[in-house]
Amino acid sequence: MFKKLTAAHTPGPWEIGTSTRGYEVCTIHGVERQPTEDGLGQSWVYVFPPRVLNGEWHWPDEAEQLANALLIAAAPDLLEALRMCLLNGNLDEQERNLGNAAIAKAEGRS
């Protein structure tokens, strides 16, 4: 299985794009067709972390890369849990606004 994590995921905010910048957190296939020489095309979306952290270029180590993958894999579950909290939770206005903003971002509405 996986090694025990010793590092947290890469800090955000993360953004998405359809062309590489050379410092992606991950590449997701099957989203948007890009032309290729063979004519078949390929589907890619790239997820980018902040390029510079604390004034220096940031390159995640293996533990941080795994933490990023685990966070991305958990995203659907986290989104559903957040929706449930907003429906059933005793939240103040700031917490509700943060939750709604996160859902809007996940749904491409922000």
Protein backbone atom coordinates (compact mmCIF):
# COMPACT_ATOMS: atom_id res chain seq x y z
CA MET A 1 0.00 0.00 0.00
CA PHE A 2 1.13 3.60 0.52
CA LYS A 3 3.87 4.85 2.79
CA LYS A 4 2.77 6.72 5.89
CA LEU A 5 2.51 10.41 5.07
CA THR A 6 5.08 12.69 6.61
CA ALA A 7 4.16 15.84 4.67
CA ALA A 8 0.94 17.72 4.06
CA HIS A 9 -0.41 18.49 0.61
CA THR A 10 0.88 21.45 -1.40
CA PRO A 11 -0.72 24.65 -0.08
CA GLY A 12 -3.33 26.35 -2.26
CA PRO A 13 -4.80 28.05 -3.99
CA TRP A 14 -4.61 25.60 -6.88
CA GLU A 15 -5.83 26.45 -10.38
CA ILE A 16 -6.61 24.45 -13.52
CA GLY A 17 -5.52 24.92 -17.12
CA THR A 18 -5.36 23.04 -20.41
CA SER A 19 -1.69 23.48 -21.25
CA THR A 20 1.36 22.49 -19.25
CA ARG A 21 3.45 24.99 -17.32
CA GLY A 22 5.95 22.43 -16.07
CA TYR A 23 4.96 22.50 -12.41
CA GLU A 24 1.65 20.63 -12.31
CA VAL A 25 0.33 18.93 -9.17
CA CYS A 26 -1.43 16.45 -11.45
CA THR A 27 -2.74 15.81 -14.93
CA ILE A 28 -6.36 14.71 -15.35
CA HIS A 29 -7.25 12.89 -18.56
CA GLY A 30 -10.57 12.87 -20.38
CA VAL A 31 -11.70 16.47 -20.04
CA GLU A 32 -10.80 18.52 -23.12
CA ARG A 33 -9.53 17.35 -26.53
CA GLN A 34 -6.15 18.71 -27.64
CA PRO A 35 -4.92 18.02 -31.21
CA THR A 36 -1.94 15.69 -31.68
CA GLU A 37 0.25 14.78 -34.68
CA ASP A 38 -1.50 11.40 -35.09
CA GLY A 39 -4.89 13.13 -35.37
CA LEU A 40 -6.39 11.20 -32.46
CA GLY A 41 -6.08 13.98 -29.95
CA GLN A 42 -5.59 13.70 -26.23
CA SER A 43 -7.55 14.92 -23.26
CA TRP A 44 -5.76 16.72 -20.44
CA VAL A 45 -6.42 19.19 -17.69
CA TYR A 46 -3.56 20.26 -15.46
CA VAL A 47 -3.81 21.25 -11.80
CA PHE A 48 -1.29 23.89 -10.74
CA PRO A 49 -0.18 24.82 -7.23
CA PRO A 50 1.32 28.20 -6.43
CA ARG A 51 4.65 28.24 -8.28
CA VAL A 52 6.45 30.15 -5.56
CA LEU A 53 6.05 29.51 -1.82
CA ASN A 54 7.83 31.61 0.79
CA GLY A 55 9.68 33.43 -2.00
CA GLU A 56 11.17 30.26 -3.55
CA TRP A 57 10.24 27.83 -6.33
CA HIS A 58 8.41 24.87 -4.85
CA TRP A 59 8.89 21.26 -6.00
CA PRO A 60 6.87 18.74 -3.93
CA ASP A 61 8.76 15.72 -2.63
CA GLU A 62 7.34 12.18 -2.85
CA ALA A 63 5.39 12.41 0.42
CA GLU A 64 3.84 15.73 -0.60
CA GLN A 65 2.95 14.34 -4.04
CA LEU A 66 1.17 11.42 -2.36
CA ALA A 67 -0.64 13.82 -0.02
CA ASN A 68 -1.78 15.79 -3.10
CA ALA A 69 -3.07 12.62 -4.77
CA LEU A 70 -4.95 11.57 -1.63
CA LEU A 71 -6.54 15.01 -1.34
CA ILE A 72 -7.65 14.94 -4.99
CA ALA A 73 -9.01 11.40 -4.61
CA ALA A 74 -10.99 12.45 -1.51
CA ALA A 75 -12.48 15.55 -3.19
CA PRO A 76 -15.85 13.98 -4.18
CA ASP A 77 -16.38 12.68 -0.64
CA LEU A 78 -15.33 16.01 0.87
CA LEU A 79 -17.75 17.86 -1.43
CA GLU A 80 -20.65 15.62 -0.42
CA ALA A 81 -19.77 15.97 3.28
CA LEU A 82 -19.66 19.75 2.92
CA ARG A 83 -23.09 19.76 1.25
CA MET A 84 -24.47 17.71 4.15
CA CYS A 85 -22.91 20.07 6.70
CA LEU A 86 -24.47 23.07 4.98
CA LEU A 87 -27.89 21.39 4.97
CA ASN A 88 -27.77 19.96 8.49
CA GLY A 89 -25.08 21.85 10.35
CA ASN A 90 -25.35 24.60 12.93
CA LEU A 91 -23.08 27.04 11.10
CA ASP A 92 -22.56 30.75 11.48
CA GLU A 93 -22.74 33.07 8.47
CA GLN A 94 -18.98 33.07 7.81
CA GLU A 95 -18.80 29.25 7.89
CA ARG A 96 -21.83 28.99 5.59
CA ASN A 97 -20.29 31.53 3.16
CA LEU A 98 -16.97 29.63 3.11
CA GLY A 99 -18.78 26.37 2.46
CA ASN A 100 -20.89 27.82 -0.33
CA ALA A 101 -17.82 29.44 -1.92
CA ALA A 102 -15.94 26.11 -1.84
CA ILE A 103 -18.88 24.32 -3.49
CA ALA A 104 -19.15 27.04 -6.16
CA LYS A 105 -15.43 26.62 -6.89
CA ALA A 106 -15.77 22.84 -7.14
CA GLU A 107 -18.69 23.27 -9.55
CA GLY A 108 -16.89 25.86 -11.71
CA ARG A 109 -19.17 28.73 -10.67
CA SER A 110 -16.49 30.98 -9.18
